[in-house]
C-alpha atoms as a PDB file:
ATOM      1  CA  UNK A   1      19.347 -22.658   0.171  1.00  0.00           C
ATOM      2  CA  UNK A   2      18.799 -21.702  -3.427  1.00  0.00           C
ATOM      3  CA  UNK A   3      17.159 -24.991  -4.069  1.00  0.00           C
ATOM      4  CA  UNK A   4      14.921 -24.492  -1.037  1.00  0.00           C
ATOM      5  CA  UNK A   5      13.719 -21.272  -2.479  1.00  0.00           C
ATOM      6  CA  UNK A   6      13.183 -22.659  -5.987  1.00  0.00           C
ATOM      7  CA  UNK A   7      11.371 -25.588  -4.587  1.00  0.00           C
ATOM      8  CA  UNK A   8       8.911 -23.653  -2.349  1.00  0.00           C
ATOM      9  CA  UNK A   9       8.207 -21.040  -4.935  1.00  0.00           C
ATOM     10  CA  UNK A  10       7.812 -23.583  -7.753  1.00  0.00           C
ATOM     11  CA  UNK A  11       5.292 -25.720  -5.823  1.00  0.00           C
ATOM     12  CA  UNK A  12       3.308 -22.810  -4.555  1.00  0.00           C
ATOM     13  CA  UNK A  13       3.127 -21.160  -7.995  1.00  0.00           C
ATOM     14  CA  UNK A  14       1.301 -24.342  -9.221  1.00  0.00           C
ATOM     15  CA  UNK A  15      -1.799 -22.944  -7.449  1.00  0.00           C
ATOM     16  CA  UNK A  16      -1.168 -19.210  -7.024  1.00  0.00           C
ATOM     17  CA  UNK A  17       0.043 -17.208 -10.001  1.00  0.00           C
ATOM     18  CA  UNK A  18       2.107 -14.004 -10.046  1.00  0.00           C
ATOM     19  CA  UNK A  19       2.842 -13.942  -6.354  1.00  0.00           C
ATOM     20  CA  UNK A  20       6.409 -15.297  -6.389  1.00  0.00           C
ATOM     21  CA  UNK A  21       7.788 -12.304  -4.356  1.00  0.00           C
ATOM     22  CA  UNK A  22       5.096 -12.865  -1.708  1.00  0.00           C
ATOM     23  CA  UNK A  23       5.896 -16.485  -1.388  1.00  0.00           C
ATOM     24  CA  UNK A  24       9.665 -15.613  -1.078  1.00  0.00           C
ATOM     25  CA  UNK A  25       8.958 -13.041   1.615  1.00  0.00           C
ATOM     26  CA  UNK A  26       6.832 -15.611   3.566  1.00  0.00           C
ATOM     27  CA  UNK A  27       9.794 -18.015   3.339  1.00  0.00           C
ATOM     28  CA  UNK A  28      12.201 -15.331   4.503  1.00  0.00           C
ATOM     29  CA  UNK A  29       9.911 -14.628   7.522  1.00  0.00           C
ATOM     30  CA  UNK A  30       9.898 -18.447   8.374  1.00  0.00           C
ATOM     31  CA  UNK A  31      13.702 -18.563   8.299  1.00  0.00           C
ATOM     32  CA  UNK A  32      14.241 -15.527  10.689  1.00  0.00           C
ATOM     33  CA  UNK A  33      11.311 -16.285  12.992  1.00  0.00           C
ATOM     34  CA  UNK A  34       9.228 -13.336  11.851  1.00  0.00           C
ATOM     35  CA  UNK A  35       5.546 -12.942  10.951  1.00  0.00           C
ATOM     36  CA  UNK A  36       3.803 -11.244   7.982  1.00  0.00           C
ATOM     37  CA  UNK A  37       0.724  -9.023   7.582  1.00  0.00           C
ATOM     38  CA  UNK A  38      -0.805  -9.366   4.240  1.00  0.00           C
ATOM     39  CA  UNK A  39      -3.090  -6.566   3.053  1.00  0.00           C
ATOM     40  CA  UNK A  40      -5.237  -6.700   0.001  1.00  0.00           C
ATOM     41  CA  UNK A  41      -8.816  -6.284  -1.399  1.00  0.00           C
ATOM     42  CA  UNK A  42     -11.033  -9.299  -1.331  1.00  0.00           C
ATOM     43  CA  UNK A  43     -10.458 -11.892  -4.052  1.00  0.00           C
ATOM     44  CA  UNK A  44      -6.657 -11.632  -4.550  1.00  0.00           C
ATOM     45  CA  UNK A  45      -5.984 -15.099  -2.994  1.00  0.00           C
ATOM     46  CA  UNK A  46      -4.574 -13.820   0.394  1.00  0.00           C
ATOM     47  CA  UNK A  47      -5.970 -16.828   2.338  1.00  0.00           C
ATOM     48  CA  UNK A  48      -5.267 -19.361  -0.336  1.00  0.00           C
ATOM     49  CA  UNK A  49      -1.614 -18.192  -0.662  1.00  0.00           C
ATOM     50  CA  UNK A  50      -1.033 -18.733   3.027  1.00  0.00           C
ATOM     51  CA  UNK A  51      -2.699 -22.198   2.915  1.00  0.00           C
ATOM     52  CA  UNK A  52      -0.602 -23.141  -0.020  1.00  0.00           C
ATOM     53  CA  UNK A  53       2.622 -21.972   1.635  1.00  0.00           C
ATOM     54  CA  UNK A  54       1.800 -23.938   4.752  1.00  0.00           C
ATOM     55  CA  UNK A  55       1.405 -27.093   2.639  1.00  0.00           C
ATOM     56  CA  UNK A  56       4.533 -26.738   0.565  1.00  0.00           C
ATOM     57  CA  UNK A  57       6.700 -25.998   3.674  1.00  0.00           C
ATOM     58  CA  UNK A  58       5.363 -29.177   5.339  1.00  0.00           C
ATOM     59  CA  UNK A  59       4.170 -27.194   8.354  1.00  0.00           C
ATOM     60  CA  UNK A  60       1.166 -27.965  10.645  1.00  0.00           C
ATOM     61  CA  UNK A  61      -1.572 -25.429   9.835  1.00  0.00           C
ATOM     62  CA  UNK A  62      -4.480 -23.793  11.688  1.00  0.00           C
ATOM     63  CA  UNK A  63      -6.740 -21.045  10.480  1.00  0.00           C
ATOM     64  CA  UNK A  64      -8.581 -18.647  12.795  1.00  0.00           C
ATOM     65  CA  UNK A  65     -11.392 -16.460  11.418  1.00  0.00           C
ATOM     66  CA  UNK A  66     -11.186 -13.344  13.581  1.00  0.00           C
ATOM     67  CA  UNK A  67     -14.632 -11.936  14.620  1.00  0.00           C
ATOM     68  CA  UNK A  68     -15.788  -9.173  17.001  1.00  0.00           C
ATOM     69  CA  UNK A  69     -16.948 -11.663  19.717  1.00  0.00           C
ATOM     70  CA  UNK A  70     -13.680 -13.641  19.803  1.00  0.00           C
ATOM     71  CA  UNK A  71     -12.071 -13.970  23.197  1.00  0.00           C
ATOM     72  CA  UNK A  72      -8.364 -14.396  23.998  1.00  0.00           C
ATOM     73  CA  UNK A  73      -8.833 -17.854  25.269  1.00  0.00           C
ATOM     74  CA  UNK A  74     -10.272 -18.809  21.967  1.00  0.00           C
ATOM     75  CA  UNK A  75      -6.758 -18.255  20.621  1.00  0.00           C
ATOM     76  CA  UNK A  76      -4.393 -19.265  23.352  1.00  0.00           C
ATOM     77  CA  UNK A  77      -6.432 -22.068  25.074  1.00  0.00           C
ATOM     78  CA  UNK A  78      -8.170 -22.472  28.335  1.00  0.00           C
ATOM     79  CA  UNK A  79      -8.217 -24.595  31.482  1.00  0.00           C
ATOM     80  CA  UNK A  80     -10.840 -27.304  31.588  1.00  0.00           C
ATOM     81  CA  UNK A  81     -11.869 -29.626  34.443  1.00  0.00           C
ATOM     82  CA  UNK A  82     -11.207 -33.199  33.944  1.00  0.00           C
ATOM     83  CA  UNK A  83     -13.872 -35.161  35.915  1.00  0.00           C
ATOM     84  CA  UNK A  84     -11.774 -38.452  35.825  1.00  0.00           C
ATOM     85  CA  UNK A  85      -8.743 -36.886  37.606  1.00  0.00           C
ATOM     86  CA  UNK A  86     -10.626 -34.086  39.350  1.00  0.00           C
ATOM     87  CA  UNK A  87      -7.996 -31.702  38.110  1.00  0.00           C
ATOM     88  CA  UNK A  88      -7.894 -28.809  35.786  1.00  0.00           C
ATOM     89  CA  UNK A  89      -6.009 -29.409  32.495  1.00  0.00           C
ATOM     90  CA  UNK A  90      -4.834 -27.071  29.806  1.00  0.00           C
ATOM     91  CA  UNK A  91      -6.629 -27.415  26.463  1.00  0.00           C
ATOM     92  CA  UNK A  92      -4.329 -25.757  23.826  1.00  0.00           C
ATOM     93  CA  UNK A  93      -5.760 -23.210  21.428  1.00  0.00           C
ATOM     94  CA  UNK A  94      -5.070 -22.881  17.769  1.00  0.00           C
ATOM     95  CA  UNK A  95      -1.853 -20.878  18.329  1.00  0.00           C
ATOM     96  CA  UNK A  96      -0.177 -24.184  19.082  1.00  0.00           C
ATOM     97  CA  UNK A  97       0.821 -24.924  15.544  1.00  0.00           C
ATOM     98  CA  UNK A  98       3.721 -24.154  13.132  1.00  0.00           C
ATOM     99  CA  UNK A  99       1.701 -21.985  10.620  1.00  0.00           C
ATOM    100  CA  UNK A 100      -1.201 -19.844  11.975  1.00  0.00           C
ATOM    101  CA  UNK A 101      -3.426 -18.015   9.601  1.00  0.00           C
ATOM    102  CA  UNK A 102      -5.103 -15.017  11.405  1.00  0.00           C
ATOM    103  CA  UNK A 103      -7.738 -14.233   8.841  1.00  0.00           C
ATOM    104  CA  UNK A 104      -9.058 -10.550   8.939  1.00  0.00           C
ATOM    105  CA  UNK A 105      -7.139  -9.857  12.129  1.00  0.00           C
ATOM    106  CA  UNK A 106      -8.517  -6.294  12.291  1.00  0.00           C
ATOM    107  CA  UNK A 107     -12.062  -7.508  12.849  1.00  0.00           C
ATOM    108  CA  UNK A 108     -11.426  -8.660  16.425  1.00  0.00           C
ATOM    109  CA  UNK A 109     -11.139  -6.232  19.483  1.00  0.00           C
ATOM    110  CA  UNK A 110      -7.731  -5.114  20.861  1.00  0.00           C
ATOM    111  CA  UNK A 111      -7.955  -7.360  23.792  1.00  0.00           C
ATOM    112  CA  UNK A 112      -8.045 -10.486  21.561  1.00  0.00           C
ATOM    113  CA  UNK A 113      -5.424  -8.964  19.231  1.00  0.00           C
ATOM    114  CA  UNK A 114      -3.046  -8.472  22.200  1.00  0.00           C
ATOM    115  CA  UNK A 115      -3.398 -12.175  23.056  1.00  0.00           C
ATOM    116  CA  UNK A 116      -1.078 -12.824  20.008  1.00  0.00           C
ATOM    117  CA  UNK A 117       1.642 -10.539  21.281  1.00  0.00           C
ATOM    118  CA  UNK A 118       3.288 -12.901  23.734  1.00  0.00           C
ATOM    119  CA  UNK A 119       3.210 -15.910  21.456  1.00  0.00           C
ATOM    120  CA  UNK A 120       4.437 -13.905  18.395  1.00  0.00           C
ATOM    121  CA  UNK A 121       7.397 -12.422  20.382  1.00  0.00           C
ATOM    122  CA  UNK A 122       8.345 -15.021  22.860  1.00  0.00           C
ATOM    123  CA  UNK A 123       6.968 -18.268  21.320  1.00  0.00           C
ATOM    124  CA  UNK A 124       4.994 -19.083  24.483  1.00  0.00           C
ATOM    125  CA  UNK A 125       1.617 -18.744  26.118  1.00  0.00           C
ATOM    126  CA  UNK A 126       0.943 -17.970  29.729  1.00  0.00           C
ATOM    127  CA  UNK A 127      -2.416 -19.245  31.087  1.00  0.00           C
ATOM    128  CA  UNK A 128      -3.230 -18.883  34.888  1.00  0.00           C
ATOM    129  CA  UNK A 129       0.482 -18.458  35.756  1.00  0.00           C
ATOM    130  CA  UNK A 130       1.615 -21.505  33.710  1.00  0.00           C
ATOM    131  CA  UNK A 131       3.793 -21.125  30.630  1.00  0.00           C
ATOM    132  CA  UNK A 132       3.396 -23.344  27.556  1.00  0.00           C
ATOM    133  CA  UNK A 133       5.885 -23.384  24.772  1.00  0.00           C
ATOM    134  CA  UNK A 134       4.701 -23.024  21.169  1.00  0.00           C
ATOM    135  CA  UNK A 135       6.143 -25.455  18.540  1.00  0.00           C
ATOM    136  CA  UNK A 136       9.026 -24.490  16.441  1.00  0.00           C
ATOM    137  CA  UNK A 137       8.996 -22.985  13.931  1.00  0.00           C
ATOM    138  CA  UNK A 138       6.062 -20.682  14.825  1.00  0.00           C
ATOM    139  CA  UNK A 139       4.782 -18.348  12.184  1.00  0.00           C
ATOM    140  CA  UNK A 140       1.800 -16.052  12.015  1.00  0.00           C
ATOM    141  CA  UNK A 141       0.347 -14.851   8.609  1.00  0.00           C
ATOM    142  CA  UNK A 142      -2.431 -12.284   9.273  1.00  0.00           C
ATOM    143  CA  UNK A 143      -4.606 -10.834   6.555  1.00  0.00           C
ATOM    144  CA  UNK A 144      -6.718  -7.672   6.455  1.00  0.00           C
ATOM    145  CA  UNK A 145      -8.806  -5.680   3.993  1.00  0.00           C
ATOM    146  CA  UNK A 146      -7.508  -2.114   3.195  1.00  0.00           C
ATOM    147  CA  UNK A 147     -10.882  -0.801   2.061  1.00  0.00           C
ATOM    148  CA  UNK A 148     -13.629  -1.935   4.381  1.00  0.00           C
ATOM    149  CA  UNK A 149     -13.178  -0.207   7.789  1.00  0.00           C
ATOM    150  CA  UNK A 150     -16.589  -0.494   9.286  1.00  0.00           C
ATOM    151  CA  UNK A 151     -16.587  -2.890  12.278  1.00  0.00           C
ATOM    152  CA  UNK A 152     -12.856  -3.059  12.347  1.00  0.00           C
ATOM    153  CA  UNK A 153     -10.198  -2.381  15.021  1.00  0.00           C
ATOM    154  CA  UNK A 154      -6.955  -0.977  13.507  1.00  0.00           C
ATOM    155  CA  UNK A 155      -3.876  -2.706  14.804  1.00  0.00           C
ATOM    156  CA  UNK A 156      -1.918  -0.572  17.335  1.00  0.00           C
ATOM    157  CA  UNK A 157       1.744   0.252  16.648  1.00  0.00           C
ATOM    158  CA  UNK A 158       3.003  -2.267  19.199  1.00  0.00           C
ATOM    159  CA  UNK A 159       1.106  -5.095  17.429  1.00  0.00           C
ATOM    160  CA  UNK A 160       2.219  -3.866  13.952  1.00  0.00           C
ATOM    161  CA  UNK A 161       5.797  -3.833  15.072  1.00  0.00           C
ATOM    162  CA  UNK A 162       5.655  -7.618  15.816  1.00  0.00           C
ATOM    163  CA  UNK A 163       5.251  -8.222  12.056  1.00  0.00           C
ATOM    164  CA  UNK A 164       8.487  -8.582  10.081  1.00  0.00           C
ATOM    165  CA  UNK A 165       6.752  -7.703   6.748  1.00  0.00           C
ATOM    166  CA  UNK A 166       3.659  -5.885   5.663  1.00  0.00           C
ATOM    167  CA  UNK A 167       2.913  -7.266   2.213  1.00  0.00           C
ATOM    168  CA  UNK A 168       0.517  -5.479  -0.187  1.00  0.00           C
ATOM    169  CA  UNK A 169      -1.199  -7.791  -2.693  1.00  0.00           C
ATOM    170  CA  UNK A 170      -2.852  -6.085  -5.719  1.00  0.00           C
ATOM    171  CA  UNK A 171      -4.527  -7.212  -8.734  1.00  0.00           C
ATOM    172  CA  UNK A 172      -2.567  -9.435 -11.173  1.00  0.00           C
ATOM    173  CA  UNK A 173      -1.578  -8.078 -14.589  1.00  0.00           C
ATOM    174  CA  UNK A 174      -3.720  -9.057 -17.564  1.00  0.00           C
ATOM    175  CA  UNK A 175      -1.453 -12.017 -18.780  1.00  0.00           C
ATOM    176  CA  UNK A 176      -1.397 -13.533 -15.264  1.00  0.00           C
ATOM    177  CA  UNK A 177      -5.128 -13.065 -14.719  1.00  0.00           C
ATOM    178  CA  UNK A 178      -5.672 -14.867 -18.032  1.00  0.00           C
ATOM    179  CA  UNK A 179      -3.421 -17.695 -16.824  1.00  0.00           C
ATOM    180  CA  UNK A 180      -5.498 -17.924 -13.578  1.00  0.00           C
ATOM    181  CA  UNK A 181      -8.655 -18.194 -15.559  1.00  0.00           C
ATOM    182  CA  UNK A 182      -7.098 -20.849 -17.892  1.00  0.00           C
ATOM    183  CA  UNK A 183      -6.181 -22.962 -14.919  1.00  0.00           C
ATOM    184  CA  UNK A 184      -9.694 -22.739 -13.452  1.00  0.00           C
ATOM    185  CA  UNK A 185     -11.147 -23.571 -16.846  1.00  0.00           C
ATOM    186  CA  UNK A 186      -8.852 -26.690 -16.967  1.00  0.00           C
ATOM    187  CA  UNK A 187     -10.362 -27.951 -13.645  1.00  0.00           C
ATOM    188  CA  UNK A 188      -8.197 -26.385 -10.850  1.00  0.00           C
ATOM    189  CA  UNK A 189     -10.377 -25.927  -7.721  1.00  0.00           C
ATOM    190  CA  UNK A 190      -8.324 -24.267  -4.914  1.00  0.00           C
ATOM    191  CA  UNK A 191     -11.080 -25.106  -2.514  1.00  0.00           C
ATOM    192  CA  UNK A 192      -9.884 -28.695  -2.568  1.00  0.00           C
ATOM    193  CA  UNK A 193      -6.091 -28.577  -2.190  1.00  0.00           C
ATOM    194  CA  UNK A 194      -5.943 -32.235  -1.235  1.00  0.00           C
ATOM    195  CA  UNK A 195      -6.826 -33.094  -4.915  1.00  0.00           C
ATOM    196  CA  UNK A 196      -4.153 -30.892  -6.338  1.00  0.00           C
ATOM    197  CA  UNK A 197      -0.747 -32.365  -7.084  1.00  0.00           C
ATOM    198  CA  UNK A 198       1.624 -30.250  -5.013  1.00  0.00           C
ATOM    199  CA  UNK A 199       4.274 -31.572  -2.817  1.00  0.00           C
ATOM    200  CA  UNK A 200       6.038 -30.358   0.420  1.00  0.00           C
ATOM    201  CA  UNK A 201       9.347 -28.903  -0.767  1.00  0.00           C
ATOM    202  CA  UNK A 202      10.835 -28.744   2.738  1.00  0.00           C
ATOM    203  CA  UNK A 203      10.058 -29.578   6.365  1.00  0.00           C
ATOM    204  CA  UNK A 204       9.939 -27.703   9.733  1.00  0.00           C
ATOM    205  CA  UNK A 205      13.318 -29.245  10.696  1.00  0.00           C
ATOM    206  CA  UNK A 206      14.861 -28.098   7.403  1.00  0.00           C
ATOM    207  CA  UNK A 207      13.467 -24.578   7.970  1.00  0.00           C
ATOM    208  CA  UNK A 208      15.106 -24.381  11.422  1.00  0.00           C
ATOM    209  CA  UNK A 209      18.430 -25.459   9.984  1.00  0.00           C
ATOM    210  CA  UNK A 210      18.091 -23.065   6.994  1.00  0.00           C
ATOM    211  CA  UNK A 211      17.471 -20.271   9.536  1.00  0.00           C
ATOM    212  CA  UNK A 212      20.800 -21.121  11.086  1.00  0.00           C
ATOM    213  CA  UNK A 213      22.503 -20.914   7.716  1.00  0.00           C
ATOM    214  CA  UNK A 214      20.929 -17.574   6.964  1.00  0.00           C
ATOM    215  CA  UNK A 215      22.324 -16.056  10.344  1.00  0.00           C
ATOM    216  CA  UNK A 216      25.876 -16.896   9.154  1.00  0.00           C
ATOM    217  CA  UNK A 217      25.595 -14.618   5.982  1.00  0.00           C
ATOM    218  CA  UNK A 218      28.160 -11.775   6.060  1.00  0.00           C
ATOM    219  CA  UNK A 219      27.381  -8.091   5.830  1.00  0.00           C
ATOM    220  CA  UNK A 220      30.119  -5.611   4.871  1.00  0.00           C
ATOM    221  CA  UNK A 221      30.476  -2.484   6.929  1.00  0.00           C
ATOM    222  CA  UNK A 222      29.472  -0.153   4.103  1.00  0.00           C
ATOM    223  CA  UNK A 223      26.284  -2.183   3.423  1.00  0.00           C
ATOM    224  CA  UNK A 224      25.529  -2.243   7.138  1.00  0.00           C
ATOM    225  CA  UNK A 225      25.916   1.596   7.265  1.00  0.00           C
ATOM    226  CA  UNK A 226      23.630   1.909   4.127  1.00  0.00           C
ATOM    227  CA  UNK A 227      20.936  -0.057   5.905  1.00  0.00           C
ATOM    228  CA  UNK A 228      21.242   1.971   9.085  1.00  0.00           C
ATOM    229  CA  UNK A 229      21.049   5.319   7.204  1.00  0.00           C
ATOM    230  CA  UNK A 230      17.898   4.345   5.421  1.00  0.00           C
ATOM    231  CA  UNK A 231      16.196   3.538   8.737  1.00  0.00           C
ATOM    232  CA  UNK A 232      17.456   6.784  10.336  1.00  0.00           C
ATOM    233  CA  UNK A 233      16.317   8.745   7.287  1.00  0.00           C
ATOM    234  CA  UNK A 234      12.727   7.740   7.970  1.00  0.00           C
ATOM    235  CA  UNK A 235      12.908   9.410  11.302  1.00  0.00           C
ATOM    236  CA  UNK A 236      14.118  12.659   9.866  1.00  0.00           C
ATOM    237  CA  UNK A 237      11.571  12.964   7.013  1.00  0.00           C
ATOM    238  CA  UNK A 238       9.306  15.994   7.507  1.00  0.00           C
ATOM    239  CA  UNK A 239       6.193  14.095   6.782  1.00  0.00           C
ATOM    240  CA  UNK A 240       6.937  11.436   9.417  1.00  0.00           C
ATOM    241  CA  UNK A 241       5.789  11.535  13.024  1.00  0.00           C
ATOM    242  CA  UNK A 242       7.290   8.217  14.010  1.00  0.00           C
ATOM    243  CA  UNK A 243      10.117   6.527  11.980  1.00  0.00           C
ATOM    244  CA  UNK A 244      11.654   3.225  11.939  1.00  0.00           C
ATOM    245  CA  UNK A 245      12.899   1.991  15.339  1.00  0.00           C
ATOM    246  CA  UNK A 246      16.177   0.203  16.065  1.00  0.00           C
ATOM    247  CA  UNK A 247      14.166  -3.056  16.207  1.00  0.00           C
ATOM    248  CA  UNK A 248      13.141  -2.211  12.626  1.00  0.00           C
ATOM    249  CA  UNK A 249      16.764  -1.913  11.643  1.00  0.00           C
ATOM    250  CA  UNK A 250      17.462  -5.327  13.216  1.00  0.00           C
ATOM    251  CA  UNK A 251      14.487  -6.806  11.386  1.00  0.00           C
ATOM    252  CA  UNK A 252      15.665  -5.426   8.052  1.00  0.00           C
ATOM    253  CA  UNK A 253      19.171  -6.798   8.636  1.00  0.00           C
ATOM    254  CA  UNK A 254      17.827 -10.326   9.462  1.00  0.00           C
ATOM    255  CA  UNK A 255      15.653 -10.286   6.461  1.00  0.00           C
ATOM    256  CA  UNK A 256      18.468  -9.285   4.086  1.00  0.00           C
ATOM    257  CA  UNK A 257      20.681 -12.056   5.374  1.00  0.00           C
ATOM    258  CA  UNK A 258      17.949 -14.627   4.697  1.00  0.00           C
ATOM    259  CA  UNK A 259      17.245 -13.218   1.236  1.00  0.00           C
ATOM    260  CA  UNK A 260      20.894 -13.431   0.300  1.00  0.00           C
ATOM    261  CA  UNK A 261      21.204 -16.965   1.515  1.00  0.00           C
ATOM    262  CA  UNK A 262      17.999 -17.944  -0.430  1.00  0.00           C
ATOM    263  CA  UNK A 263      19.590 -16.559  -3.562  1.00  0.00           C
ATOM    264  CA  UNK A 264      22.825 -18.641  -3.145  1.00  0.00           C
ATOM    265  CA  UNK A 265      25.024 -15.852  -1.649  1.00  0.00           C
ATOM    266  CA  UNK A 266      26.915 -15.763   1.670  1.00  0.00           C
ATOM    267  CA  UNK A 267      26.953 -11.898   1.669  1.00  0.00           C
ATOM    268  CA  UNK A 268      24.308  -9.160   1.586  1.00  0.00           C
ATOM    269  CA  UNK A 269      24.242  -6.669  -1.302  1.00  0.00           C
ATOM    270  CA  UNK A 270      22.703  -3.131  -1.385  1.00  0.00           C
ATOM    271  CA  UNK A 271      20.002  -4.556  -3.805  1.00  0.00           C
ATOM    272  CA  UNK A 272      18.909  -6.920  -0.870  1.00  0.00           C
ATOM    273  CA  UNK A 273      18.505  -3.839   1.394  1.00  0.00           C
ATOM    274  CA  UNK A 274      16.590  -1.837  -1.160  1.00  0.00           C
ATOM    275  CA  UNK A 275      14.390  -4.726  -2.118  1.00  0.00           C
ATOM    276  CA  UNK A 276      13.207  -5.377   1.417  1.00  0.00           C
ATOM    277  CA  UNK A 277      13.045  -1.832   2.739  1.00  0.00           C
ATOM    278  CA  UNK A 278       9.347  -1.304   1.906  1.00  0.00           C
ATOM    279  CA  UNK A 279       7.919  -4.557   3.288  1.00  0.00           C
ATOM    280  CA  UNK A 280       9.922  -4.283   6.433  1.00  0.00           C
ATOM    281  CA  UNK A 281       9.400  -0.516   7.137  1.00  0.00           C
ATOM    282  CA  UNK A 282       6.052   0.552   5.577  1.00  0.00           C
ATOM    283  CA  UNK A 283       3.981  -0.522   8.603  1.00  0.00           C
ATOM    284  CA  UNK A 284       6.390   0.978  11.145  1.00  0.00           C
ATOM    285  CA  UNK A 285       6.180   4.511   9.928  1.00  0.00           C
ATOM    286  CA  UNK A 286       3.520   6.868  11.341  1.00  0.00           C
ATOM    287  CA  UNK A 287       2.819   9.876   9.169  1.00  0.00           C
ATOM    288  CA  UNK A 288       1.739  13.249  10.273  1.00  0.00           C
ATOM    289  CA  UNK A 289      -1.981  14.064   9.727  1.00  0.00           C
ATOM    290  CA  UNK A 290      -1.245  16.843   7.211  1.00  0.00           C
ATOM    291  CA  UNK A 291       0.809  14.337   5.147  1.00  0.00           C
ATOM    292  CA  UNK A 292      -2.064  11.761   5.126  1.00  0.00           C
ATOM    293  CA  UNK A 293      -4.520  14.477   3.955  1.00  0.00           C
ATOM    294  CA  UNK A 294      -2.186  14.995   0.953  1.00  0.00           C
ATOM    295  CA  UNK A 295      -2.308  11.301   0.327  1.00  0.00           C
ATOM    296  CA  UNK A 296       1.394  10.953   1.012  1.00  0.00           C
ATOM    297  CA  UNK A 297       2.023   7.306   2.059  1.00  0.00           C
ATOM    298  CA  UNK A 298       4.720   5.370   3.882  1.00  0.00           C
ATOM    299  CA  UNK A 299       6.020   3.984   0.513  1.00  0.00           C
ATOM    300  CA  UNK A 300       6.572   7.619  -0.664  1.00  0.00           C
ATOM    301  CA  UNK A 301       8.701   8.218   2.417  1.00  0.00           C
ATOM    302  CA  UNK A 302      10.751   5.105   1.708  1.00  0.00           C
ATOM    303  CA  UNK A 303      11.227   5.977  -1.987  1.00  0.00           C
ATOM    304  CA  UNK A 304      12.553   9.314  -0.906  1.00  0.00           C
ATOM    305  CA  UNK A 305      14.949   7.780   1.619  1.00  0.00           C
ATOM    306  CA  UNK A 306      16.241   5.231  -0.945  1.00  0.00           C
ATOM    307  CA  UNK A 307      16.835   8.059  -3.386  1.00  0.00           C
ATOM    308  CA  UNK A 308      18.620  10.211  -0.900  1.00  0.00           C
ATOM    309  CA  UNK A 309      21.053   7.748   0.627  1.00  0.00           C
ATOM    310  CA  UNK A 310      24.056   6.960  -1.565  1.00  0.00           C
ATOM    311  CA  UNK A 311      24.414   3.308  -2.557  1.00  0.00           C
ATOM    312  CA  UNK A 312      27.769   1.746  -1.587  1.00  0.00           C
ATOM    313  CA  UNK A 313      29.827   0.251  -4.439  1.00  0.00           C
END
């Protein structure tokens, strides 16, 4: 498991610099059957990072650019008439892949956004009463811009809750931005990944097996109680209107077990819980309007919860 993490992070880092933690979180989501929502300003390599991760994990990849005129059938597929057999046949949509990039997901109306709900949760698509299974593993990486709100449709809470992580990508530090420019100056062109010497560090079958290994990781009672208290504390915070749900606690537990396995351990530590608390819970917290006016964010709530809950030793 540790070699799997090092291989995927090492290969992906040949293209995208200073994003090792994001690559690791995408790998964790793949192992536990979750999905990720990546938020960042334009130009920080959100789309490129997802494309690279799909390549180094050996997964089939599809990209969908979400637009205001997109229909649900553009995602899931549609029935077409076959003139040779005089029958209707199902033409699968782009969701029938291992690795789906939903680019700028908040630019499409809620009706189309909701078309992803069934396949993200149940790994299947229902069209005209017929159910079609999505391939395994199935993973959605959605991107959105946190600044430009004109012409966007914010994701509802039910849709946000389907994402295991909300990852915030910011600007790189000065040394890493210099390293990025140095690579471009040396001839690296991310638009043509086929010409770049990166290899698949794993395969879909190995990811499924790694997920089974992750589920066997042990969690001590005191660490389990620590995790639960953090989630419950988000519901009690004065600035919070809606805190982390029981499903959020289960998601945090699954993610911690996968992270422990990827770091070569068969047990979860409190550090695993603290490390993954923000990406797992930040999009599942709804703040009161007065807290938002004071620019008090979900990460502030989680920082306060982590500070208040005693760490088991």
